[in-house]
Amino acid sequence: MAAAPHGGLVEIRGVHKSFGELEVLRGIDLRITPGSVTVILGPSGSGKSTLLRTINHLEPVTRGLISVDGDVIGYRRDGDLLHELHEREVLRQRTAIGMVFQGFNLFAHMTALGNITEAPRRALGVPRREAEARARELLDLVGLSDKEQVYPRQLSGGQQQRVAIARALALEPKVLLFDEPTSALDPELVEEVLAVIRSLARAGTTLVIVTHEIPFARDVADTVVFMDHGRIIEQGPPAEVLDAPRHERTRSFLATVRTGEQSSSAEGQVPAAER
């Protein structure tokens, strides 16, 4: 049985990110405490997914620093100088920062068990038997203990996403990033994935989640961050940001999201005459 996870401290300081002349992140400062759950909200194009991808250096920052437990991501510190790391060293850093993508990104030619054991065996040199034992623990954790020999094409979207979560946990990361983990799912499959994330929120790993699921954010988040146009507009406890936001832009966004939720709920109801 693996030891209880230790959440990492994430510090984001003065981060800018540009793609050509398009500035996507415009001076982000954020401190994410160990073992906490941070939910990032914002409209499409606000930079929230890009911010998530800079934390594990999938997108190198244009300016600024990101560190996990004092380890600067993507760079080696030499006094006041920073030297860019080789890809192999960046991959080593990423073993401490797991990521779950909205599109699952499972290996189609591998079973659920194979998807989960691949990274520990290749990145950490974990023996096959040990990696498979841990993978079975993780499949049980996400409620898929009967699916270890099943291929992704044979799984529902919710099941694929739960395998993806188990795969991210296999390296026992200090930080786990979720990029809109339910956006590619049918509505009836969303809750099974959110239930797994809720259980992780109590386990000690630092979680950073980009989502539009407002009730879920209220339920699990220690901190809610609202972004717009590459900047953090507002951050604080869910009771403040979601129920009593200070900024008009936050209020406008939340009103739009809630209107959409109500419309979706109404569409799913069957009129009494048709029951």
C-alpha atoms as a PDB file:
ATOM      1  CA  MET A   1       0.000   0.000   0.000  1.00  0.00           C
ATOM      2  CA  ALA A   2       1.413   3.392  -0.977  1.00  0.00           C
ATOM      3  CA  ALA A   3       2.026   6.070   1.633  1.00  0.00           C
ATOM      4  CA  ALA A   4      -0.464   8.886   2.024  1.00  0.00           C
ATOM      5  CA  PRO A   5       0.297  11.587  -0.541  1.00  0.00           C
ATOM      6  CA  HIS A   6       2.102  14.757   0.427  1.00  0.00           C
ATOM      7  CA  GLY A   7       0.729  17.819  -1.295  1.00  0.00           C
ATOM      8  CA  GLY A   8       3.190  20.248  -2.847  1.00  0.00           C
ATOM      9  CA  LEU A   9       3.368  24.017  -2.407  1.00  0.00           C
ATOM     10  CA  VAL A  10       2.837  25.733  -5.773  1.00  0.00           C
ATOM     11  CA  GLU A  11       4.089  29.313  -6.162  1.00  0.00           C
ATOM     12  CA  ILE A  12       3.337  31.271  -9.340  1.00  0.00           C
ATOM     13  CA  ARG A  13       5.123  34.610  -9.533  1.00  0.00           C
ATOM     14  CA  GLY A  14       4.730  37.246 -12.212  1.00  0.00           C
ATOM     15  CA  VAL A  15       3.888  34.734 -14.932  1.00  0.00           C
ATOM     16  CA  HIS A  16       3.329  35.962 -18.478  1.00  0.00           C
ATOM     17  CA  LYS A  17       2.717  33.744 -21.479  1.00  0.00           C
ATOM     18  CA  SER A  18       2.534  34.870 -25.097  1.00  0.00           C
ATOM     19  CA  PHE A  19       1.940  33.023 -28.347  1.00  0.00           C
ATOM     20  CA  GLY A  20       3.551  35.302 -30.895  1.00  0.00           C
ATOM     21  CA  GLU A  21       2.003  38.722 -30.312  1.00  0.00           C
ATOM     22  CA  LEU A  22      -0.977  37.312 -28.405  1.00  0.00           C
ATOM     23  CA  GLU A  23      -0.479  37.683 -24.650  1.00  0.00           C
ATOM     24  CA  VAL A  24      -2.521  34.955 -22.956  1.00  0.00           C
ATOM     25  CA  LEU A  25      -1.293  35.339 -19.362  1.00  0.00           C
ATOM     26  CA  ARG A  26      -0.645  38.851 -18.105  1.00  0.00           C
ATOM     27  CA  GLY A  27       1.138  38.782 -14.778  1.00  0.00           C
ATOM     28  CA  ILE A  28      -0.247  35.904 -12.709  1.00  0.00           C
ATOM     29  CA  ASP A  29       0.623  35.703  -9.014  1.00  0.00           C
ATOM     30  CA  LEU A  30      -0.842  32.795  -7.074  1.00  0.00           C
ATOM     31  CA  ARG A  31       0.170  30.725  -4.049  1.00  0.00           C
ATOM     32  CA  ILE A  32      -1.415  27.290  -3.706  1.00  0.00           C
ATOM     33  CA  THR A  33      -0.879  25.752  -0.281  1.00  0.00           C
ATOM     34  CA  PRO A  34       0.048  22.083   0.215  1.00  0.00           C
ATOM     35  CA  GLY A  35      -2.893  19.695   0.222  1.00  0.00           C
ATOM     36  CA  SER A  36      -5.392  22.362  -0.813  1.00  0.00           C
ATOM     37  CA  VAL A  37      -7.968  22.353  -3.608  1.00  0.00           C
ATOM     38  CA  THR A  38      -7.944  25.349  -5.957  1.00  0.00           C
ATOM     39  CA  VAL A  39     -10.645  25.704  -8.602  1.00  0.00           C
ATOM     40  CA  ILE A  40     -10.016  28.059 -11.530  1.00  0.00           C
ATOM     41  CA  LEU A  41     -13.052  29.532 -13.273  1.00  0.00           C
ATOM     42  CA  GLY A  42     -13.319  31.854 -16.236  1.00  0.00           C
ATOM     43  CA  PRO A  43     -14.796  32.309 -19.692  1.00  0.00           C
ATOM     44  CA  SER A  44     -13.336  30.680 -22.780  1.00  0.00           C
ATOM     45  CA  GLY A  45     -10.090  32.417 -23.706  1.00  0.00           C
ATOM     46  CA  SER A  46      -9.408  33.692 -20.188  1.00  0.00           C
ATOM     47  CA  GLY A  47      -6.101  31.797 -19.969  1.00  0.00           C
ATOM     48  CA  LYS A  48      -7.098  29.295 -17.304  1.00  0.00           C
ATOM     49  CA  SER A  49      -6.072  26.162 -19.238  1.00  0.00           C
ATOM     50  CA  THR A  50      -2.843  27.820 -20.365  1.00  0.00           C
ATOM     51  CA  LEU A  51      -2.044  28.631 -16.736  1.00  0.00           C
ATOM     52  CA  LEU A  52      -2.590  24.996 -15.820  1.00  0.00           C
ATOM     53  CA  ARG A  53      -0.242  23.866 -18.600  1.00  0.00           C
ATOM     54  CA  THR A  54       2.513  26.230 -17.450  1.00  0.00           C
ATOM     55  CA  ILE A  55       2.533  24.646 -13.999  1.00  0.00           C
ATOM     56  CA  ASN A  56       4.008  21.427 -15.399  1.00  0.00           C
ATOM     57  CA  HIS A  57       5.917  23.193 -18.199  1.00  0.00           C
ATOM     58  CA  LEU A  58       3.817  21.818 -21.044  1.00  0.00           C
ATOM     59  CA  GLU A  59       3.779  25.503 -21.967  1.00  0.00           C
ATOM     60  CA  PRO A  60       7.022  27.276 -20.955  1.00  0.00           C
ATOM     61  CA  VAL A  61       6.368  30.706 -19.486  1.00  0.00           C
ATOM     62  CA  THR A  62       7.443  33.810 -21.385  1.00  0.00           C
ATOM     63  CA  ARG A  63       8.294  35.613 -18.165  1.00  0.00           C
ATOM     64  CA  GLY A  64       8.033  34.820 -14.458  1.00  0.00           C
ATOM     65  CA  LEU A  65       8.593  31.730 -12.304  1.00  0.00           C
ATOM     66  CA  ILE A  66       6.636  28.690 -11.175  1.00  0.00           C
ATOM     67  CA  SER A  67       7.916  26.439  -8.398  1.00  0.00           C
ATOM     68  CA  VAL A  68       6.722  23.334  -6.581  1.00  0.00           C
ATOM     69  CA  ASP A  69       8.148  22.936  -3.082  1.00  0.00           C
ATOM     70  CA  GLY A  70      10.827  25.467  -4.062  1.00  0.00           C
ATOM     71  CA  ASP A  71      11.883  23.546  -7.180  1.00  0.00           C
ATOM     72  CA  VAL A  72      11.643  25.981 -10.133  1.00  0.00           C
ATOM     73  CA  ILE A  73       9.786  24.192 -12.932  1.00  0.00           C
ATOM     74  CA  GLY A  74      11.701  24.015 -16.208  1.00  0.00           C
ATOM     75  CA  TYR A  75      14.829  25.719 -14.896  1.00  0.00           C
ATOM     76  CA  ARG A  76      17.870  25.197 -12.701  1.00  0.00           C
ATOM     77  CA  ARG A  77      18.745  27.997 -10.319  1.00  0.00           C
ATOM     78  CA  ASP A  78      22.392  29.107 -10.136  1.00  0.00           C
ATOM     79  CA  GLY A  79      22.552  32.044  -7.751  1.00  0.00           C
ATOM     80  CA  ASP A  80      20.546  34.791  -9.422  1.00  0.00           C
ATOM     81  CA  LEU A  81      20.641  33.034 -12.798  1.00  0.00           C
ATOM     82  CA  LEU A  82      18.225  30.492 -14.243  1.00  0.00           C
ATOM     83  CA  HIS A  83      19.298  27.884 -16.781  1.00  0.00           C
ATOM     84  CA  GLU A  84      16.719  26.039 -18.879  1.00  0.00           C
ATOM     85  CA  LEU A  85      16.587  22.331 -18.113  1.00  0.00           C
ATOM     86  CA  HIS A  86      17.018  19.576 -20.677  1.00  0.00           C
ATOM     87  CA  GLU A  87      13.844  17.704 -21.605  1.00  0.00           C
ATOM     88  CA  ARG A  88      14.874  14.672 -19.554  1.00  0.00           C
ATOM     89  CA  GLU A  89      15.172  16.823 -16.435  1.00  0.00           C
ATOM     90  CA  VAL A  90      11.791  18.443 -17.137  1.00  0.00           C
ATOM     91  CA  LEU A  91      10.251  14.979 -17.448  1.00  0.00           C
ATOM     92  CA  ARG A  92      11.706  14.122 -14.038  1.00  0.00           C
ATOM     93  CA  GLN A  93      10.055  17.217 -12.569  1.00  0.00           C
ATOM     94  CA  ARG A  94       6.742  16.262 -14.159  1.00  0.00           C
ATOM     95  CA  THR A  95       6.628  13.020 -12.202  1.00  0.00           C
ATOM     96  CA  ALA A  96       5.662  15.218  -9.228  1.00  0.00           C
ATOM     97  CA  ILE A  97       2.952  17.049 -11.208  1.00  0.00           C
ATOM     98  CA  GLY A  98       0.212  14.850 -12.614  1.00  0.00           C
ATOM     99  CA  MET A  99      -2.285  16.082 -15.194  1.00  0.00           C
ATOM    100  CA  VAL A 100      -5.704  14.862 -16.282  1.00  0.00           C
ATOM    101  CA  PHE A 101      -6.825  16.177 -19.671  1.00  0.00           C
ATOM    102  CA  GLN A 102     -10.368  16.764 -20.872  1.00  0.00           C
ATOM    103  CA  GLY A 103      -9.762  14.386 -23.797  1.00  0.00           C
ATOM    104  CA  PHE A 104      -8.528  11.463 -21.601  1.00  0.00           C
ATOM    105  CA  ASN A 105      -5.336  10.912 -23.718  1.00  0.00           C
ATOM    106  CA  LEU A 106      -5.216   7.189 -22.975  1.00  0.00           C
ATOM    107  CA  PHE A 107      -3.047   4.848 -25.056  1.00  0.00           C
ATOM    108  CA  ALA A 108      -5.556   3.089 -27.325  1.00  0.00           C
ATOM    109  CA  HIS A 109      -3.380  -0.019 -27.748  1.00  0.00           C
ATOM    110  CA  MET A 110      -3.011  -0.606 -24.004  1.00  0.00           C
ATOM    111  CA  THR A 111      -5.452  -2.021 -21.478  1.00  0.00           C
ATOM    112  CA  ALA A 112      -6.530   0.027 -18.472  1.00  0.00           C
ATOM    113  CA  LEU A 113      -3.845  -1.748 -16.441  1.00  0.00           C
ATOM    114  CA  GLY A 114      -1.203  -1.059 -19.093  1.00  0.00           C
ATOM    115  CA  ASN A 115      -2.084   2.619 -19.273  1.00  0.00           C
ATOM    116  CA  ILE A 116      -1.556   2.960 -15.526  1.00  0.00           C
ATOM    117  CA  THR A 117       1.687   0.965 -15.283  1.00  0.00           C
ATOM    118  CA  GLU A 118       3.433   2.557 -18.278  1.00  0.00           C
ATOM    119  CA  ALA A 119       4.720   5.738 -16.607  1.00  0.00           C
ATOM    120  CA  PRO A 120       5.921   4.188 -13.316  1.00  0.00           C
ATOM    121  CA  ARG A 121       7.820   1.498 -15.207  1.00  0.00           C
ATOM    122  CA  ARG A 122       9.394   3.820 -17.781  1.00  0.00           C
ATOM    123  CA  ALA A 123       9.888   7.020 -15.773  1.00  0.00           C
ATOM    124  CA  LEU A 124      10.675   5.559 -12.351  1.00  0.00           C
ATOM    125  CA  GLY A 125      11.906   2.062 -13.182  1.00  0.00           C
ATOM    126  CA  VAL A 126       9.280   0.402 -11.006  1.00  0.00           C
ATOM    127  CA  PRO A 127       9.281  -3.401 -11.504  1.00  0.00           C
ATOM    128  CA  ARG A 128       6.305  -4.775 -13.445  1.00  0.00           C
ATOM    129  CA  ARG A 129       4.811  -6.732 -10.536  1.00  0.00           C
ATOM    130  CA  GLU A 130       5.000  -3.758  -8.182  1.00  0.00           C
ATOM    131  CA  ALA A 131       3.580  -1.380 -10.803  1.00  0.00           C
ATOM    132  CA  GLU A 132       0.691  -3.737 -11.524  1.00  0.00           C
ATOM    133  CA  ALA A 133      -0.126  -4.135  -7.834  1.00  0.00           C
ATOM    134  CA  ARG A 134      -0.275  -0.362  -7.439  1.00  0.00           C
ATOM    135  CA  ALA A 135      -2.350  -0.045 -10.622  1.00  0.00           C
ATOM    136  CA  ARG A 136      -4.905  -2.493  -9.227  1.00  0.00           C
ATOM    137  CA  GLU A 137      -5.134  -0.423  -6.042  1.00  0.00           C
ATOM    138  CA  LEU A 138      -5.792   2.667  -8.139  1.00  0.00           C
ATOM    139  CA  LEU A 139      -8.402   0.967 -10.319  1.00  0.00           C
ATOM    140  CA  ASP A 140     -10.176  -0.049  -7.129  1.00  0.00           C
ATOM    141  CA  LEU A 141      -9.922   3.547  -5.880  1.00  0.00           C
ATOM    142  CA  VAL A 142     -11.696   4.876  -8.977  1.00  0.00           C
ATOM    143  CA  GLY A 143     -14.280   2.081  -8.981  1.00  0.00           C
ATOM    144  CA  LEU A 144     -12.952   0.122 -11.960  1.00  0.00           C
ATOM    145  CA  SER A 145     -11.378  -2.958 -10.410  1.00  0.00           C
ATOM    146  CA  ASP A 146     -13.206  -5.152 -12.940  1.00  0.00           C
ATOM    147  CA  LYS A 147     -11.823  -3.275 -15.969  1.00  0.00           C
ATOM    148  CA  GLU A 148      -8.072  -3.913 -15.773  1.00  0.00           C
ATOM    149  CA  GLN A 149      -7.899  -5.922 -19.012  1.00  0.00           C
ATOM    150  CA  VAL A 150     -10.307  -3.684 -20.933  1.00  0.00           C
ATOM    151  CA  TYR A 151      -9.138  -1.335 -23.726  1.00  0.00           C
ATOM    152  CA  PRO A 152     -10.149   2.354 -23.865  1.00  0.00           C
ATOM    153  CA  ARG A 153     -12.499   1.821 -26.835  1.00  0.00           C
ATOM    154  CA  GLN A 154     -14.517  -0.585 -24.678  1.00  0.00           C
ATOM    155  CA  LEU A 155     -15.017   1.969 -21.888  1.00  0.00           C
ATOM    156  CA  SER A 156     -17.507   4.797 -21.554  1.00  0.00           C
ATOM    157  CA  GLY A 157     -16.200   8.352 -21.456  1.00  0.00           C
ATOM    158  CA  GLY A 158     -16.608   8.488 -17.690  1.00  0.00           C
ATOM    159  CA  GLN A 159     -14.725   5.228 -17.274  1.00  0.00           C
ATOM    160  CA  GLN A 160     -11.925   6.431 -19.558  1.00  0.00           C
ATOM    161  CA  GLN A 161     -11.570   9.592 -17.498  1.00  0.00           C
ATOM    162  CA  ARG A 162     -11.409   7.570 -14.294  1.00  0.00           C
ATOM    163  CA  VAL A 163      -8.628   5.447 -15.810  1.00  0.00           C
ATOM    164  CA  ALA A 164      -6.862   8.697 -16.744  1.00  0.00           C
ATOM    165  CA  ILE A 165      -7.124   9.845 -13.115  1.00  0.00           C
ATOM    166  CA  ALA A 166      -5.700   6.528 -11.916  1.00  0.00           C
ATOM    167  CA  ARG A 167      -2.860   6.863 -14.430  1.00  0.00           C
ATOM    168  CA  ALA A 168      -2.024  10.363 -13.141  1.00  0.00           C
ATOM    169  CA  LEU A 169      -2.010   9.063  -9.557  1.00  0.00           C
ATOM    170  CA  ALA A 170       0.337   6.184 -10.402  1.00  0.00           C
ATOM    171  CA  LEU A 171       3.404   8.420 -10.089  1.00  0.00           C
ATOM    172  CA  GLU A 172       2.204   9.586  -6.644  1.00  0.00           C
ATOM    173  CA  PRO A 173       2.371  13.270  -7.611  1.00  0.00           C
ATOM    174  CA  LYS A 174       2.555  16.129  -5.144  1.00  0.00           C
ATOM    175  CA  VAL A 175       0.279  18.192  -7.389  1.00  0.00           C
ATOM    176  CA  LEU A 176      -2.555  17.006  -9.616  1.00  0.00           C
ATOM    177  CA  LEU A 177      -3.910  19.243 -12.388  1.00  0.00           C
ATOM    178  CA  PHE A 178      -7.360  18.775 -13.948  1.00  0.00           C
ATOM    179  CA  ASP A 179      -8.140  20.569 -17.206  1.00  0.00           C
ATOM    180  CA  GLU A 180     -11.950  20.603 -17.477  1.00  0.00           C
ATOM    181  CA  PRO A 181     -12.135  16.882 -16.636  1.00  0.00           C
ATOM    182  CA  THR A 182     -15.881  16.584 -17.337  1.00  0.00           C
ATOM    183  CA  SER A 183     -16.277  18.804 -20.409  1.00  0.00           C
ATOM    184  CA  ALA A 184     -16.016  15.912 -22.893  1.00  0.00           C
ATOM    185  CA  LEU A 185     -18.516  13.730 -21.027  1.00  0.00           C
ATOM    186  CA  ASP A 186     -22.214  13.142 -21.505  1.00  0.00           C
ATOM    187  CA  PRO A 187     -24.134  14.817 -18.646  1.00  0.00           C
ATOM    188  CA  GLU A 188     -25.114  11.514 -17.007  1.00  0.00           C
ATOM    189  CA  LEU A 189     -21.429  10.500 -16.734  1.00  0.00           C
ATOM    190  CA  VAL A 190     -20.194  13.707 -15.100  1.00  0.00           C
ATOM    191  CA  GLU A 191     -21.054  12.773 -11.520  1.00  0.00           C
ATOM    192  CA  GLU A 192     -19.041   9.540 -11.518  1.00  0.00           C
ATOM    193  CA  VAL A 193     -15.878  11.509 -12.342  1.00  0.00           C
ATOM    194  CA  LEU A 194     -16.650  14.308  -9.880  1.00  0.00           C
ATOM    195  CA  ALA A 195     -17.159  11.710  -7.139  1.00  0.00           C
ATOM    196  CA  VAL A 196     -13.618  10.409  -7.685  1.00  0.00           C
ATOM    197  CA  ILE A 197     -12.180  13.937  -7.575  1.00  0.00           C
ATOM    198  CA  ARG A 198     -14.111  14.629  -4.355  1.00  0.00           C
ATOM    199  CA  SER A 199     -12.433  11.621  -2.755  1.00  0.00           C
ATOM    200  CA  LEU A 200      -9.012  12.874  -3.884  1.00  0.00           C
ATOM    201  CA  ALA A 201      -9.751  16.287  -2.372  1.00  0.00           C
ATOM    202  CA  ARG A 202      -9.715  14.626   1.049  1.00  0.00           C
ATOM    203  CA  ALA A 203      -6.553  12.606   0.434  1.00  0.00           C
ATOM    204  CA  GLY A 204      -3.780  15.213   0.778  1.00  0.00           C
ATOM    205  CA  THR A 205      -2.570  15.796  -2.793  1.00  0.00           C
ATOM    206  CA  THR A 206      -2.630  19.433  -3.941  1.00  0.00           C
ATOM    207  CA  LEU A 207      -5.371  19.741  -6.569  1.00  0.00           C
ATOM    208  CA  VAL A 208      -5.751  22.497  -9.176  1.00  0.00           C
ATOM    209  CA  ILE A 209      -8.950  22.152 -11.191  1.00  0.00           C
ATOM    210  CA  VAL A 210     -10.211  24.097 -14.199  1.00  0.00           C
ATOM    211  CA  THR A 211     -13.965  23.561 -14.444  1.00  0.00           C
ATOM    212  CA  HIS A 212     -17.343  25.170 -15.106  1.00  0.00           C
ATOM    213  CA  GLU A 213     -19.068  22.960 -12.521  1.00  0.00           C
ATOM    214  CA  ILE A 214     -20.050  25.664 -10.012  1.00  0.00           C
ATOM    215  CA  PRO A 215     -21.802  23.423  -7.421  1.00  0.00           C
ATOM    216  CA  PHE A 216     -18.784  21.103  -7.501  1.00  0.00           C
ATOM    217  CA  ALA A 217     -16.421  24.061  -6.990  1.00  0.00           C
ATOM    218  CA  ARG A 218     -18.444  25.191  -3.978  1.00  0.00           C
ATOM    219  CA  ASP A 219     -18.328  21.663  -2.568  1.00  0.00           C
ATOM    220  CA  VAL A 220     -14.610  20.854  -2.869  1.00  0.00           C
ATOM    221  CA  ALA A 221     -12.596  24.070  -3.254  1.00  0.00           C
ATOM    222  CA  ASP A 222     -10.582  25.750  -0.545  1.00  0.00           C
ATOM    223  CA  THR A 223      -9.914  28.612  -2.963  1.00  0.00           C
ATOM    224  CA  VAL A 224     -11.771  29.722  -6.076  1.00  0.00           C
ATOM    225  CA  VAL A 225      -9.859  31.790  -8.649  1.00  0.00           C
ATOM    226  CA  PHE A 226     -11.728  33.722 -11.339  1.00  0.00           C
ATOM    227  CA  MET A 227      -9.735  34.688 -14.438  1.00  0.00           C
ATOM    228  CA  ASP A 228     -10.525  36.911 -17.397  1.00  0.00           C
ATOM    229  CA  HIS A 229      -8.313  38.160 -20.249  1.00  0.00           C
ATOM    230  CA  GLY A 230      -5.206  36.526 -18.798  1.00  0.00           C
ATOM    231  CA  ARG A 231      -5.503  38.047 -15.331  1.00  0.00           C
ATOM    232  CA  ILE A 232      -6.783  36.941 -11.950  1.00  0.00           C
ATOM    233  CA  ILE A 233      -9.807  39.133 -11.290  1.00  0.00           C
ATOM    234  CA  GLU A 234     -10.774  37.676  -7.948  1.00  0.00           C
ATOM    235  CA  GLN A 235      -9.794  34.874  -5.589  1.00  0.00           C
ATOM    236  CA  GLY A 236     -10.911  33.654  -2.199  1.00  0.00           C
ATOM    237  CA  PRO A 237     -13.036  31.048  -0.411  1.00  0.00           C
ATOM    238  CA  PRO A 238     -16.042  29.711  -2.358  1.00  0.00           C
ATOM    239  CA  ALA A 239     -18.481  31.498  -0.043  1.00  0.00           C
ATOM    240  CA  GLU A 240     -16.936  34.815  -1.056  1.00  0.00           C
ATOM    241  CA  VAL A 241     -16.209  34.374  -4.762  1.00  0.00           C
ATOM    242  CA  LEU A 242     -19.280  32.322  -5.685  1.00  0.00           C
ATOM    243  CA  ASP A 243     -21.893  33.754  -3.332  1.00  0.00           C
ATOM    244  CA  ALA A 244     -20.718  37.321  -2.722  1.00  0.00           C
ATOM    245  CA  PRO A 245     -18.274  38.278  -5.518  1.00  0.00           C
ATOM    246  CA  ARG A 246     -16.736  41.736  -5.262  1.00  0.00           C
ATOM    247  CA  HIS A 247     -16.200  42.331  -8.970  1.00  0.00           C
ATOM    248  CA  GLU A 248     -18.910  42.944 -11.547  1.00  0.00           C
ATOM    249  CA  ARG A 249     -17.123  40.754 -14.108  1.00  0.00           C
ATOM    250  CA  THR A 250     -17.268  37.804 -11.705  1.00  0.00           C
ATOM    251  CA  ARG A 251     -20.962  38.401 -11.032  1.00  0.00           C
ATOM    252  CA  SER A 252     -21.703  38.582 -14.753  1.00  0.00           C
ATOM    253  CA  PHE A 253     -19.860  35.335 -15.487  1.00  0.00           C
ATOM    254  CA  LEU A 254     -21.554  33.428 -12.670  1.00  0.00           C
ATOM    255  CA  ALA A 255     -24.977  34.678 -13.747  1.00  0.00           C
ATOM    256  CA  THR A 256     -24.334  33.449 -17.287  1.00  0.00           C
ATOM    257  CA  VAL A 257     -23.165  30.026 -16.107  1.00  0.00           C
ATOM    258  CA  ARG A 258     -26.141  29.611 -13.780  1.00  0.00           C
ATOM    259  CA  THR A 259     -28.562  30.582 -16.538  1.00  0.00           C
ATOM    260  CA  GLY A 260     -27.012  27.905 -18.734  1.00  0.00           C
ATOM    261  CA  GLU A 261     -27.323  25.314 -15.954  1.00  0.00           C
ATOM    262  CA  GLN A 262     -30.995  26.150 -15.455  1.00  0.00           C
ATOM    263  CA  SER A 263     -31.666  25.855 -19.198  1.00  0.00           C
ATOM    264  CA  SER A 264     -29.949  22.455 -19.344  1.00  0.00           C
ATOM    265  CA  SER A 265     -31.931  21.288 -16.323  1.00  0.00           C
ATOM    266  CA  ALA A 266     -35.203  22.416 -17.885  1.00  0.00           C
ATOM    267  CA  GLU A 267     -34.401  20.615 -21.145  1.00  0.00           C
ATOM    268  CA  GLY A 268     -33.848  17.399 -19.230  1.00  0.00           C
ATOM    269  CA  GLN A 269     -37.265  17.499 -17.531  1.00  0.00           C
ATOM    270  CA  VAL A 270     -40.164  15.560 -19.009  1.00  0.00           C
ATOM    271  CA  PRO A 271     -43.493  17.460 -19.011  1.00  0.00           C
ATOM    272  CA  ALA A 272     -46.128  15.950 -16.700  1.00  0.00           C
ATOM    273  CA  ALA A 273     -48.411  15.192 -19.657  1.00  0.00           C
ATOM    274  CA  GLU A 274     -45.702  13.018 -21.215  1.00  0.00           C
ATOM    275  CA  ARG A 275     -44.802  11.013 -18.112  1.00  0.00           C
END
